[in-house]
Amino acid sequence: MGPATGAPLITNIEVRSVLTPQKRGGIALSHGYTINPYRGCAFACSYCYSTKFVHDPDKKRTWGQWVEVKQNAVDALRRDSHKLCGARVFFSSATDPYQPVEKRLGLTRALLEVLLASFPAKLHLQTRSPHVVRDIDLLRRFGDSLTVGISIPTDSDVVRRAFEPRAPAIVRRLDAARQLKEAGIRTTATVAPLLPCTPKRLAKLLAPCFDSAWVDALNFYEKADELRAIYDGRGWERFLRPDHEAAVRAALTDVGLIGSGVARP
C-alpha cells in the first residue's frame, strides 16, 4: 500500500451482488437493503466503523489508502432489480459512494440510474462529498422517495482535519447541501459521529442548508486508543461527555432540524 499522504491504490474487483439484505441492527431498523459501489474509502476517517468488516490485516492497517471498484456492480444490480420495487434502500453503508475516483468512473451514477427504473419505496443516499451535486438532475427524478444525507459531524475544519484528514472541507459540504435543497431534494444533516463543535454555531450553519438532522455519538469500536489519543492530545476530552450531545441536540431542535417526525434516515 502507498503512504498515507499519497493517492489511494485503486483496484478492480468483481462481486456476485451489490444488494445486501439487512436483517438486524443499525440502518436495518429502517432499510431492507444496502448498496455499496466500492470497498474501502479514500477519505481516511479515523473513526470509521467500516474497518470492522475488513478481514485482511494489511488492508485494515492501511484503511484510507485503498479503494476497490466493484466493476460489475451495474450488471449485478440489474440482475437483482426485481427485488427493489417497493423496497427501502440505503446507499451506501460501508463506503462513501462519491469516492474521488467516482468523478472518472461514474459508477454511483450508473447504479442510481438502475435504481430509478426499479421504483424503490425509499432511497437514502449518504455521502460527505460535494461531488454529489453532479447528479442533481438524476436525483430530482426520484421525487419524495429520496433523501440525501450529508455527513457534517463538526463545525470546525481544525477538528475535521484531526479526524477526517482527506475529507472535503465543511464549507464545501454545506454548499452542496444548499444546492440540493434549492433543487427540491430533501436533505438530512448527519451529525454522526458527533465530534467536538460549538453547538449553536453548528446549528446556525446547518439550518439554511438542511430539512432535518440526526445525531449519533462516537462509538470507539476497535479504535479506542487511537481516538482517545486525538481527544487527549488536544484537550477535547470534555466533548465526550453526554452533556455535549445534549447541547447539540438542543441547538438543532431550536432551529427546527430535530423535532416531531424527524428521525434517523
Foldseek 3Di string as FASTA:
>chain_A
DDDLPDAAAEEEDADLAQWAADDDDDPNVPFGTAGEQKAAEQQQFLQAPLLVVPDPVVCSVNGNRYMYGNVCHLVRCLVVLQVAAQGAYEYHDRYQNPGVCCVVVVRSVSNLVSNLVSHYQAYEHEHQDLVVLVCLVSQVSNPPRYEYEHEDQEPDVVFCCLRRVRTDDPVSSQVSLQSNVVSVHAYEYENPQHDDYDQLVVLVSCLNRHQAYDYHHRDCVVPVVVVVCSCVVVVNVVCNDPVVVVSNVVNNVVSPRDDPPGDDD
